[in-house]
Full PDB file with SEQRES, HELIX, SHEET, SSBOND, CRYST1, ORIGX, SCALE, CONECT and MASTER records, all heavy atoms in Angstrom:
SEQRES   1 A   38  PRO THR GLN THR LYS THR GLU THR ASN ARG ARG GLY LEU          
SEQRES   2 A   38  LEU SER ARG LEU ARG ALA SER PRO PHE LEU SER ASP LEU          
SEQRES   3 A   38  LEU SER ASN ARG LEU ALA LEU ALA GLY ILE VAL LEU              
HELIX    1 AA1 THR A    2  ALA A   19  1                                  18    
HELIX    2 AA2 PRO A   21  LEU A   27  1                                   7    
HELIX    3 AA3 ARG A   30  VAL A   37  1                                   8    
CRYST1    1.000    1.000    1.000  90.00  90.00  90.00 P 1           1          
ORIGX1      1.000000  0.000000  0.000000        0.00000                         
ORIGX2      0.000000  1.000000  0.000000        0.00000                         
ORIGX3      0.000000  0.000000  1.000000        0.00000                         
SCALE1      1.000000  0.000000  0.000000        0.00000                         
SCALE2      0.000000  1.000000  0.000000        0.00000                         
SCALE3      0.000000  0.000000  1.000000        0.00000                         
ATOM      1  N   PRO A   1      15.540  11.781  16.958  1.00  0.00           N  
ATOM      2  CA  PRO A   1      14.156  12.249  16.800  1.00  0.00           C  
ATOM      3  C   PRO A   1      13.817  12.271  15.249  1.00  0.00           C  
ATOM      4  O   PRO A   1      12.719  11.900  14.836  1.00  0.00           O  
ATOM      5  CB  PRO A   1      14.075  13.626  17.331  1.00  0.00           C  
ATOM      6  CG  PRO A   1      15.160  13.715  18.381  1.00  0.00           C  
ATOM      7  CD  PRO A   1      16.208  12.736  17.881  1.00  0.00           C  
ATOM      8  N   THR A   2      14.761  12.520  14.447  1.00  0.00           N  
ATOM      9  CA  THR A   2      14.524  12.544  12.928  1.00  0.00           C  
ATOM     10  C   THR A   2      14.251  11.117  12.507  1.00  0.00           C  
ATOM     11  O   THR A   2      13.381  10.842  11.719  1.00  0.00           O  
ATOM     12  CB  THR A   2      15.735  13.191  12.217  1.00  0.00           C  
ATOM     13  OG1 THR A   2      16.047  14.384  12.754  1.00  0.00           O  
ATOM     14  CG2 THR A   2      15.475  13.156  10.712  1.00  0.00           C  
ATOM     15  N   GLN A   3      15.071  10.187  12.965  1.00  0.00           N  
ATOM     16  CA  GLN A   3      14.909   8.782  12.541  1.00  0.00           C  
ATOM     17  C   GLN A   3      13.500   8.254  13.029  1.00  0.00           C  
ATOM     18  O   GLN A   3      12.785   7.493  12.321  1.00  0.00           O  
ATOM     19  CB  GLN A   3      15.995   7.854  13.054  1.00  0.00           C  
ATOM     20  CG  GLN A   3      17.324   8.172  12.453  1.00  0.00           C  
ATOM     21  CD  GLN A   3      18.420   7.346  13.066  1.00  0.00           C  
ATOM     22  OE1 GLN A   3      18.284   6.915  14.279  1.00  0.00           O  
ATOM     23  NE2 GLN A   3      19.563   7.126  12.388  1.00  0.00           N  
ATOM     24  N   THR A   4      13.107   8.614  14.278  1.00  0.00           N  
ATOM     25  CA  THR A   4      11.890   8.176  14.817  1.00  0.00           C  
ATOM     26  C   THR A   4      10.731   8.752  13.980  1.00  0.00           C  
ATOM     27  O   THR A   4       9.767   8.075  13.735  1.00  0.00           O  
ATOM     28  CB  THR A   4      11.749   8.590  16.298  1.00  0.00           C  
ATOM     29  OG1 THR A   4      12.825   8.062  17.032  1.00  0.00           O  
ATOM     30  CG2 THR A   4      10.452   8.174  16.852  1.00  0.00           C  
ATOM     31  N   LYS A   5      10.855   9.992  13.649  1.00  0.00           N  
ATOM     32  CA  LYS A   5       9.808  10.632  12.777  1.00  0.00           C  
ATOM     33  C   LYS A   5       9.654   9.950  11.437  1.00  0.00           C  
ATOM     34  O   LYS A   5       8.601   9.778  10.873  1.00  0.00           O  
ATOM     35  CB  LYS A   5      10.086  12.161  12.702  1.00  0.00           C  
ATOM     36  CG  LYS A   5       8.959  12.873  11.929  1.00  0.00           C  
ATOM     37  CD  LYS A   5       9.401  14.370  11.846  1.00  0.00           C  
ATOM     38  CE  LYS A   5       8.258  15.112  11.163  1.00  0.00           C  
ATOM     39  NZ  LYS A   5       8.536  16.576  10.948  1.00  0.00           N  
ATOM     40  N   THR A   6      10.793   9.640  10.829  1.00  0.00           N  
ATOM     41  CA  THR A   6      10.802   9.027   9.503  1.00  0.00           C  
ATOM     42  C   THR A   6      10.140   7.673   9.547  1.00  0.00           C  
ATOM     43  O   THR A   6       9.262   7.252   8.714  1.00  0.00           O  
ATOM     44  CB  THR A   6      12.307   8.846   9.038  1.00  0.00           C  
ATOM     45  OG1 THR A   6      12.896  10.135   8.972  1.00  0.00           O  
ATOM     46  CG2 THR A   6      12.275   8.211   7.612  1.00  0.00           C  
ATOM     47  N   GLU A   7      10.556   6.857  10.636  1.00  0.00           N  
ATOM     48  CA  GLU A   7       9.882   5.518  10.861  1.00  0.00           C  
ATOM     49  C   GLU A   7       8.364   5.627  11.038  1.00  0.00           C  
ATOM     50  O   GLU A   7       7.542   4.866  10.566  1.00  0.00           O  
ATOM     51  CB  GLU A   7      10.449   4.738  11.986  1.00  0.00           C  
ATOM     52  CG  GLU A   7      12.013   4.382  11.725  1.00  0.00           C  
ATOM     53  CD  GLU A   7      12.682   3.762  12.925  1.00  0.00           C  
ATOM     54  OE1 GLU A   7      11.929   3.639  14.004  1.00  0.00           O  
ATOM     55  OE2 GLU A   7      13.810   3.422  12.868  1.00  0.00           O  
ATOM     56  N   THR A   8       7.902   6.637  11.808  1.00  0.00           N  
ATOM     57  CA  THR A   8       6.524   6.779  12.032  1.00  0.00           C  
ATOM     58  C   THR A   8       5.823   7.136  10.723  1.00  0.00           C  
ATOM     59  O   THR A   8       4.701   6.604  10.534  1.00  0.00           O  
ATOM     60  CB  THR A   8       6.288   7.935  13.099  1.00  0.00           C  
ATOM     61  OG1 THR A   8       6.991   7.655  14.297  1.00  0.00           O  
ATOM     62  CG2 THR A   8       4.787   8.172  13.422  1.00  0.00           C  
ATOM     63  N   ASN A   9       6.372   8.093   9.966  1.00  0.00           N  
ATOM     64  CA  ASN A   9       5.727   8.486   8.715  1.00  0.00           C  
ATOM     65  C   ASN A   9       5.685   7.238   7.719  1.00  0.00           C  
ATOM     66  O   ASN A   9       4.720   7.073   7.045  1.00  0.00           O  
ATOM     67  CB  ASN A   9       6.602   9.601   7.992  1.00  0.00           C  
ATOM     68  CG  ASN A   9       6.453  10.892   8.828  1.00  0.00           C  
ATOM     69  OD1 ASN A   9       5.503  11.085   9.535  1.00  0.00           O  
ATOM     70  ND2 ASN A   9       7.471  11.787   8.588  1.00  0.00           N  
ATOM     71  N   ARG A  10       6.782   6.369   7.765  1.00  0.00           N  
ATOM     72  CA  ARG A  10       6.662   5.163   6.932  1.00  0.00           C  
ATOM     73  C   ARG A  10       5.647   4.287   7.356  1.00  0.00           C  
ATOM     74  O   ARG A  10       4.938   3.637   6.467  1.00  0.00           O  
ATOM     75  CB  ARG A  10       8.098   4.513   6.980  1.00  0.00           C  
ATOM     76  CG  ARG A  10       8.270   3.393   5.968  1.00  0.00           C  
ATOM     77  CD  ARG A  10       9.537   2.659   6.041  1.00  0.00           C  
ATOM     78  NE  ARG A  10      10.704   3.590   5.838  1.00  0.00           N  
ATOM     79  CZ  ARG A  10      11.529   3.971   6.738  1.00  0.00           C  
ATOM     80  NH1 ARG A  10      11.416   3.556   7.907  1.00  0.00           N  
ATOM     81  NH2 ARG A  10      12.560   4.808   6.403  1.00  0.00           N  
ATOM     82  N   ARG A  11       5.515   4.041   8.560  1.00  0.00           N  
ATOM     83  CA  ARG A  11       4.484   3.127   9.146  1.00  0.00           C  
ATOM     84  C   ARG A  11       3.077   3.718   8.760  1.00  0.00           C  
ATOM     85  O   ARG A  11       2.157   2.913   8.450  1.00  0.00           O  
ATOM     86  CB  ARG A  11       4.660   2.944  10.639  1.00  0.00           C  
ATOM     87  CG  ARG A  11       5.869   2.080  11.049  1.00  0.00           C  
ATOM     88  CD  ARG A  11       6.095   2.097  12.554  1.00  0.00           C  
ATOM     89  NE  ARG A  11       7.370   1.368  12.880  1.00  0.00           N  
ATOM     90  CZ  ARG A  11       7.824   1.373  14.069  1.00  0.00           C  
ATOM     91  NH1 ARG A  11       7.267   2.042  15.063  1.00  0.00           N  
ATOM     92  NH2 ARG A  11       8.959   0.710  14.405  1.00  0.00           N  
ATOM     93  N   GLY A  12       3.012   5.007   8.942  1.00  0.00           N  
ATOM     94  CA  GLY A  12       1.665   5.608   8.558  1.00  0.00           C  
ATOM     95  C   GLY A  12       1.273   5.471   7.107  1.00  0.00           C  
ATOM     96  O   GLY A  12       0.129   5.182   6.847  1.00  0.00           O  
ATOM     97  N   LEU A  13       2.405   5.604   6.378  1.00  0.00           N  
ATOM     98  CA  LEU A  13       2.090   5.416   4.837  1.00  0.00           C  
ATOM     99  C   LEU A  13       1.656   4.011   4.497  1.00  0.00           C  
ATOM    100  O   LEU A  13       0.761   3.709   3.784  1.00  0.00           O  
ATOM    101  CB  LEU A  13       3.313   5.812   4.059  1.00  0.00           C  
ATOM    102  CG  LEU A  13       3.283   5.610   2.569  1.00  0.00           C  
ATOM    103  CD1 LEU A  13       2.207   6.470   1.952  1.00  0.00           C  
ATOM    104  CD2 LEU A  13       4.665   5.934   1.941  1.00  0.00           C  
ATOM    105  N   LEU A  14       2.420   3.118   5.194  1.00  0.00           N  
ATOM    106  CA  LEU A  14       2.013   1.626   4.943  1.00  0.00           C  
ATOM    107  C   LEU A  14       0.610   1.330   5.394  1.00  0.00           C  
ATOM    108  O   LEU A  14      -0.053   0.591   4.759  1.00  0.00           O  
ATOM    109  CB  LEU A  14       3.095   0.705   5.588  1.00  0.00           C  
ATOM    110  CG  LEU A  14       4.467   0.789   5.074  1.00  0.00           C  
ATOM    111  CD1 LEU A  14       5.455  -0.133   5.845  1.00  0.00           C  
ATOM    112  CD2 LEU A  14       4.488   0.270   3.580  1.00  0.00           C  
ATOM    113  N   SER A  15       0.301   1.880   6.529  1.00  0.00           N  
ATOM    114  CA  SER A  15      -1.040   1.726   7.077  1.00  0.00           C  
ATOM    115  C   SER A  15      -2.105   2.212   6.247  1.00  0.00           C  
ATOM    116  O   SER A  15      -3.154   1.547   5.895  1.00  0.00           O  
ATOM    117  CB  SER A  15      -1.169   2.270   8.458  1.00  0.00           C  
ATOM    118  OG  SER A  15      -0.172   1.702   9.329  1.00  0.00           O  
ATOM    119  N   ARG A  16      -1.836   3.385   5.628  1.00  0.00           N  
ATOM    120  CA  ARG A  16      -2.828   3.931   4.714  1.00  0.00           C  
ATOM    121  C   ARG A  16      -2.936   3.180   3.409  1.00  0.00           C  
ATOM    122  O   ARG A  16      -4.129   3.040   2.895  1.00  0.00           O  
ATOM    123  CB  ARG A  16      -2.443   5.424   4.389  1.00  0.00           C  
ATOM    124  CG  ARG A  16      -2.667   6.473   5.503  1.00  0.00           C  
ATOM    125  CD  ARG A  16      -2.674   7.866   5.089  1.00  0.00           C  
ATOM    126  NE  ARG A  16      -1.294   8.218   4.567  1.00  0.00           N  
ATOM    127  CZ  ARG A  16      -0.255   8.618   5.246  1.00  0.00           C  
ATOM    128  NH1 ARG A  16      -0.437   8.863   6.611  1.00  0.00           N  
ATOM    129  NH2 ARG A  16       0.878   8.924   4.704  1.00  0.00           N  
ATOM    130  N   LEU A  17      -1.784   2.697   2.976  1.00  0.00           N  
ATOM    131  CA  LEU A  17      -1.800   1.775   1.783  1.00  0.00           C  
ATOM    132  C   LEU A  17      -2.632   0.523   1.976  1.00  0.00           C  
ATOM    133  O   LEU A  17      -3.424   0.078   1.091  1.00  0.00           O  
ATOM    134  CB  LEU A  17      -0.425   1.485   1.307  1.00  0.00           C  
ATOM    135  CG  LEU A  17       0.358   2.664   0.729  1.00  0.00           C  
ATOM    136  CD1 LEU A  17       1.830   2.290   0.383  1.00  0.00           C  
ATOM    137  CD2 LEU A  17      -0.251   3.255  -0.579  1.00  0.00           C  
ATOM    138  N   ARG A  18      -2.429  -0.078   3.232  1.00  0.00           N  
ATOM    139  CA  ARG A  18      -3.138  -1.323   3.504  1.00  0.00           C  
ATOM    140  C   ARG A  18      -4.687  -1.096   3.580  1.00  0.00           C  
ATOM    141  O   ARG A  18      -5.447  -1.939   3.234  1.00  0.00           O  
ATOM    142  CB  ARG A  18      -2.595  -1.950   4.770  1.00  0.00           C  
ATOM    143  CG  ARG A  18      -1.124  -2.439   4.654  1.00  0.00           C  
ATOM    144  CD  ARG A  18      -0.910  -3.344   5.856  1.00  0.00           C  
ATOM    145  NE  ARG A  18       0.533  -3.705   5.916  1.00  0.00           N  
ATOM    146  CZ  ARG A  18       1.448  -3.049   6.661  1.00  0.00           C  
ATOM    147  NH1 ARG A  18       1.062  -2.036   7.430  1.00  0.00           N  
ATOM    148  NH2 ARG A  18       2.728  -3.492   6.651  1.00  0.00           N  
ATOM    149  N   ALA A  19      -4.982   0.138   4.164  1.00  0.00           N  
ATOM    150  CA  ALA A  19      -6.375   0.421   4.306  1.00  0.00           C  
ATOM    151  C   ALA A  19      -7.096   1.027   3.134  1.00  0.00           C  
ATOM    152  O   ALA A  19      -8.299   1.230   3.157  1.00  0.00           O  
ATOM    153  CB  ALA A  19      -6.536   1.361   5.494  1.00  0.00           C  
ATOM    154  N   SER A  20      -6.395   1.215   2.075  1.00  0.00           N  
ATOM    155  CA  SER A  20      -6.896   1.851   0.831  1.00  0.00           C  
ATOM    156  C   SER A  20      -7.885   0.955   0.128  1.00  0.00           C  
ATOM    157  O   SER A  20      -7.475  -0.202  -0.183  1.00  0.00           O  
ATOM    158  CB  SER A  20      -5.754   2.271  -0.079  1.00  0.00           C  
ATOM    159  OG  SER A  20      -6.337   2.651  -1.405  1.00  0.00           O  
ATOM    160  N   PRO A  21      -9.106   1.418  -0.004  1.00  0.00           N  
ATOM    161  CA  PRO A  21      -9.993   0.514  -0.774  1.00  0.00           C  
ATOM    162  C   PRO A  21      -9.745   0.332  -2.143  1.00  0.00           C  
ATOM    163  O   PRO A  21     -10.032  -0.673  -2.856  1.00  0.00           O  
ATOM    164  CB  PRO A  21     -11.393   1.330  -0.536  1.00  0.00           C  
ATOM    165  CG  PRO A  21     -11.068   2.744  -0.272  1.00  0.00           C  
ATOM    166  CD  PRO A  21      -9.758   2.676   0.510  1.00  0.00           C  
ATOM    167  N   PHE A  22      -9.015   1.341  -2.778  1.00  0.00           N  
ATOM    168  CA  PHE A  22      -8.632   1.211  -4.135  1.00  0.00           C  
ATOM    169  C   PHE A  22      -7.580   0.085  -4.305  1.00  0.00           C  
ATOM    170  O   PHE A  22      -7.771  -0.837  -5.253  1.00  0.00           O  
ATOM    171  CB  PHE A  22      -7.940   2.520  -4.736  1.00  0.00           C  
ATOM    172  CG  PHE A  22      -7.219   2.332  -5.855  1.00  0.00           C  
ATOM    173  CD1 PHE A  22      -7.838   2.128  -7.144  1.00  0.00           C  
ATOM    174  CD2 PHE A  22      -5.819   2.471  -5.899  1.00  0.00           C  
ATOM    175  CE1 PHE A  22      -7.083   1.959  -8.254  1.00  0.00           C  
ATOM    176  CE2 PHE A  22      -5.001   2.416  -6.984  1.00  0.00           C  
ATOM    177  CZ  PHE A  22      -5.734   2.069  -8.280  1.00  0.00           C  
ATOM    178  N   LEU A  23      -6.533   0.070  -3.522  1.00  0.00           N  
ATOM    179  CA  LEU A  23      -5.556  -0.943  -3.582  1.00  0.00           C  
ATOM    180  C   LEU A  23      -6.172  -2.359  -3.258  1.00  0.00           C  
ATOM    181  O   LEU A  23      -5.908  -3.391  -3.914  1.00  0.00           O  
ATOM    182  CB  LEU A  23      -4.388  -0.800  -2.660  1.00  0.00           C  
ATOM    183  CG  LEU A  23      -3.411   0.351  -3.127  1.00  0.00           C  
ATOM    184  CD1 LEU A  23      -2.273   0.538  -2.093  1.00  0.00           C  
ATOM    185  CD2 LEU A  23      -2.804   0.014  -4.551  1.00  0.00           C  
ATOM    186  N   SER A  24      -7.097  -2.349  -2.255  1.00  0.00           N  
ATOM    187  CA  SER A  24      -7.711  -3.644  -1.929  1.00  0.00           C  
ATOM    188  C   SER A  24      -8.562  -4.152  -3.073  1.00  0.00           C  
ATOM    189  O   SER A  24      -8.479  -5.380  -3.396  1.00  0.00           O  
ATOM    190  CB  SER A  24      -8.633  -3.431  -0.724  1.00  0.00           C  
ATOM    191  OG  SER A  24      -9.385  -4.591  -0.383  1.00  0.00           O  
ATOM    192  N   ASP A  25      -9.268  -3.310  -3.705  1.00  0.00           N  
ATOM    193  CA  ASP A  25     -10.107  -3.711  -4.866  1.00  0.00           C  
ATOM    194  C   ASP A  25      -9.223  -4.067  -6.098  1.00  0.00           C  
ATOM    195  O   ASP A  25      -9.536  -5.099  -6.827  1.00  0.00           O  
ATOM    196  CB  ASP A  25     -11.146  -2.616  -5.301  1.00  0.00           C  
ATOM    197  CG  ASP A  25     -12.225  -2.465  -4.257  1.00  0.00           C  
ATOM    198  OD1 ASP A  25     -12.366  -3.391  -3.372  1.00  0.00           O  
ATOM    199  OD2 ASP A  25     -12.872  -1.427  -4.319  1.00  0.00           O  
ATOM    200  N   LEU A  26      -8.182  -3.356  -6.287  1.00  0.00           N  
ATOM    201  CA  LEU A  26      -7.302  -3.604  -7.421  1.00  0.00           C  
ATOM    202  C   LEU A  26      -6.554  -4.919  -7.254  1.00  0.00           C  
ATOM    203  O   LEU A  26      -6.514  -5.732  -8.252  1.00  0.00           O  
ATOM    204  CB  LEU A  26      -6.326  -2.499  -7.651  1.00  0.00           C  
ATOM    205  CG  LEU A  26      -5.297  -2.606  -8.807  1.00  0.00           C  
ATOM    206  CD1 LEU A  26      -6.098  -2.529 -10.044  1.00  0.00           C  
ATOM    207  CD2 LEU A  26      -4.254  -1.448  -8.769  1.00  0.00           C  
ATOM    208  N   LEU A  27      -6.058  -5.215  -6.096  1.00  0.00           N  
ATOM    209  CA  LEU A  27      -5.305  -6.418  -5.837  1.00  0.00           C  
ATOM    210  C   LEU A  27      -6.144  -7.647  -5.732  1.00  0.00           C  
ATOM    211  O   LEU A  27      -5.740  -8.772  -5.838  1.00  0.00           O  
ATOM    212  CB  LEU A  27      -4.430  -6.260  -4.561  1.00  0.00           C  
ATOM    213  CG  LEU A  27      -3.368  -5.201  -4.622  1.00  0.00           C  
ATOM    214  CD1 LEU A  27      -2.563  -5.101  -3.372  1.00  0.00           C  
ATOM    215  CD2 LEU A  27      -2.319  -5.465  -5.868  1.00  0.00           C  
ATOM    216  N   SER A  28      -7.472  -7.431  -5.489  1.00  0.00           N  
ATOM    217  CA  SER A  28      -8.345  -8.604  -5.512  1.00  0.00           C  
ATOM    218  C   SER A  28      -8.917  -8.976  -6.863  1.00  0.00           C  
ATOM    219  O   SER A  28      -9.572  -9.927  -7.032  1.00  0.00           O  
ATOM    220  CB  SER A  28      -9.585  -8.187  -4.554  1.00  0.00           C  
ATOM    221  OG  SER A  28     -10.309  -7.124  -5.025  1.00  0.00           O  
ATOM    222  N   ASN A  29      -8.590  -8.144  -7.793  1.00  0.00           N  
ATOM    223  CA  ASN A  29      -8.920  -8.290  -9.229  1.00  0.00           C  
ATOM    224  C   ASN A  29      -7.942  -9.163  -9.883  1.00  0.00           C  
ATOM    225  O   ASN A  29      -6.753  -8.727 -10.151  1.00  0.00           O  
ATOM    226  CB  ASN A  29      -9.117  -7.053  -9.949  1.00  0.00           C  
ATOM    227  CG  ASN A  29      -9.820  -7.169 -11.350  1.00  0.00           C  
ATOM    228  OD1 ASN A  29      -9.495  -8.086 -12.005  1.00  0.00           O  
ATOM    229  ND2 ASN A  29     -10.715  -6.268 -11.671  1.00  0.00           N  
ATOM    230  N   ARG A  30      -8.248 -10.376 -10.270  1.00  0.00           N  
ATOM    231  CA  ARG A  30      -7.209 -11.352 -10.805  1.00  0.00           C  
ATOM    232  C   ARG A  30      -6.800 -10.908 -12.158  1.00  0.00           C  
ATOM    233  O   ARG A  30      -5.550 -11.024 -12.500  1.00  0.00           O  
ATOM    234  CB  ARG A  30      -7.871 -12.706 -10.930  1.00  0.00           C  
ATOM    235  CG  ARG A  30      -8.179 -13.377  -9.550  1.00  0.00           C  
ATOM    236  CD  ARG A  30      -8.643 -14.736  -9.711  1.00  0.00           C  
ATOM    237  NE  ARG A  30      -8.974 -15.392  -8.428  1.00  0.00           N  
ATOM    238  CZ  ARG A  30      -9.473 -16.619  -8.324  1.00  0.00           C  
ATOM    239  NH1 ARG A  30      -9.750 -17.346  -9.407  1.00  0.00           N  
ATOM    240  NH2 ARG A  30      -9.699 -17.118  -7.182  1.00  0.00           N  
ATOM    241  N   LEU A  31      -7.618 -10.300 -12.948  1.00  0.00           N  
ATOM    242  CA  LEU A  31      -7.165  -9.790 -14.312  1.00  0.00           C  
ATOM    243  C   LEU A  31      -6.225  -8.586 -14.139  1.00  0.00           C  
ATOM    244  O   LEU A  31      -5.197  -8.523 -14.923  1.00  0.00           O  
ATOM    245  CB  LEU A  31      -8.408  -9.422 -15.104  1.00  0.00           C  
ATOM    246  CG  LEU A  31      -9.301 -10.532 -15.550  1.00  0.00           C  
ATOM    247  CD1 LEU A  31     -10.533 -10.035 -16.279  1.00  0.00           C  
ATOM    248  CD2 LEU A  31      -8.533 -11.591 -16.337  1.00  0.00           C  
ATOM    249  N   ALA A  32      -6.525  -7.731 -13.158  1.00  0.00           N  
ATOM    250  CA  ALA A  32      -5.670  -6.696 -12.951  1.00  0.00           C  
ATOM    251  C   ALA A  32      -4.237  -7.128 -12.503  1.00  0.00           C  
ATOM    252  O   ALA A  32      -3.190  -6.592 -12.898  1.00  0.00           O  
ATOM    253  CB  ALA A  32      -6.260  -5.685 -11.890  1.00  0.00           C  
ATOM    254  N   LEU A  33      -4.315  -8.044 -11.569  1.00  0.00           N  
ATOM    255  CA  LEU A  33      -2.987  -8.644 -11.120  1.00  0.00           C  
ATOM    256  C   LEU A  33      -2.290  -9.322 -12.293  1.00  0.00           C  
ATOM    257  O   LEU A  33      -0.992  -9.071 -12.354  1.00  0.00           O  
ATOM    258  CB  LEU A  33      -3.245  -9.742 -10.094  1.00  0.00           C  
ATOM    259  CG  LEU A  33      -3.547  -9.171  -8.643  1.00  0.00           C  
ATOM    260  CD1 LEU A  33      -3.857 -10.352  -7.720  1.00  0.00           C  
ATOM    261  CD2 LEU A  33      -2.404  -8.423  -8.120  1.00  0.00           C  
ATOM    262  N   ALA A  34      -2.969  -9.982 -13.152  1.00  0.00           N  
ATOM    263  CA  ALA A  34      -2.311 -10.511 -14.331  1.00  0.00           C  
ATOM    264  C   ALA A  34      -1.656  -9.438 -15.176  1.00  0.00           C  
ATOM    265  O   ALA A  34      -0.566  -9.604 -15.724  1.00  0.00           O  
ATOM    266  CB  ALA A  34      -3.257 -11.342 -15.157  1.00  0.00           C  
ATOM    267  N   GLY A  35      -2.361  -8.369 -15.354  1.00  0.00           N  
ATOM    268  CA  GLY A  35      -1.841  -7.162 -16.100  1.00  0.00           C  
ATOM    269  C   GLY A  35      -0.579  -6.615 -15.453  1.00  0.00           C  
ATOM    270  O   GLY A  35       0.351  -6.279 -16.100  1.00  0.00           O  
ATOM    271  N   ILE A  36      -0.635  -6.533 -14.135  1.00  0.00           N  
ATOM    272  CA  ILE A  36       0.538  -5.931 -13.420  1.00  0.00           C  
ATOM    273  C   ILE A  36       1.718  -6.899 -13.675  1.00  0.00           C  
ATOM    274  O   ILE A  36       2.886  -6.474 -13.866  1.00  0.00           O  
ATOM    275  CB  ILE A  36       0.262  -5.812 -11.992  1.00  0.00           C  
ATOM    276  CG1 ILE A  36      -0.858  -4.709 -11.635  1.00  0.00           C  
ATOM    277  CG2 ILE A  36       1.451  -5.522 -11.159  1.00  0.00           C  
ATOM    278  CD1 ILE A  36      -1.235  -4.537 -10.313  1.00  0.00           C  
ATOM    279  N   VAL A  37       1.544  -8.235 -13.590  1.00  0.00           N  
ATOM    280  CA  VAL A  37       2.614  -9.106 -13.736  1.00  0.00           C  
ATOM    281  C   VAL A  37       3.131  -9.037 -15.208  1.00  0.00           C  
ATOM    282  O   VAL A  37       4.423  -9.001 -15.347  1.00  0.00           O  
ATOM    283  CB  VAL A  37       2.068 -10.605 -13.490  1.00  0.00           C  
ATOM    284  CG1 VAL A  37       3.176 -11.592 -13.916  1.00  0.00           C  
ATOM    285  CG2 VAL A  37       1.762 -10.708 -12.001  1.00  0.00           C  
ATOM    286  N   LEU A  38       2.397  -8.970 -16.129  1.00  0.00           N  
ATOM    287  CA  LEU A  38       2.841  -8.833 -17.545  1.00  0.00           C  
ATOM    288  C   LEU A  38       3.530  -7.611 -17.783  1.00  0.00           C  
ATOM    289  O   LEU A  38       4.633  -7.565 -18.396  1.00  0.00           O  
ATOM    290  CB  LEU A  38       1.517  -8.847 -18.453  1.00  0.00           C  
ATOM    291  CG  LEU A  38       0.802 -10.199 -18.608  1.00  0.00           C  
ATOM    292  CD1 LEU A  38      -0.369  -9.984 -19.573  1.00  0.00           C  
ATOM    293  CD2 LEU A  38       1.776 -11.276 -19.126  1.00  0.00           C  
TER     294      LEU A  38                                                      
MASTER        0    0    0    3    0    0    0    6  293    1    0    3          
END                                                                             
């Protein structure tokens, strides 16, 4: 049950990150991506 709960929380975190408008806008900004790479 502990492993199942951990996997569920991890999936929930990844889903929230994918749905985040902030990350979506940030990663769609080419200049910001260039800054991250540098």
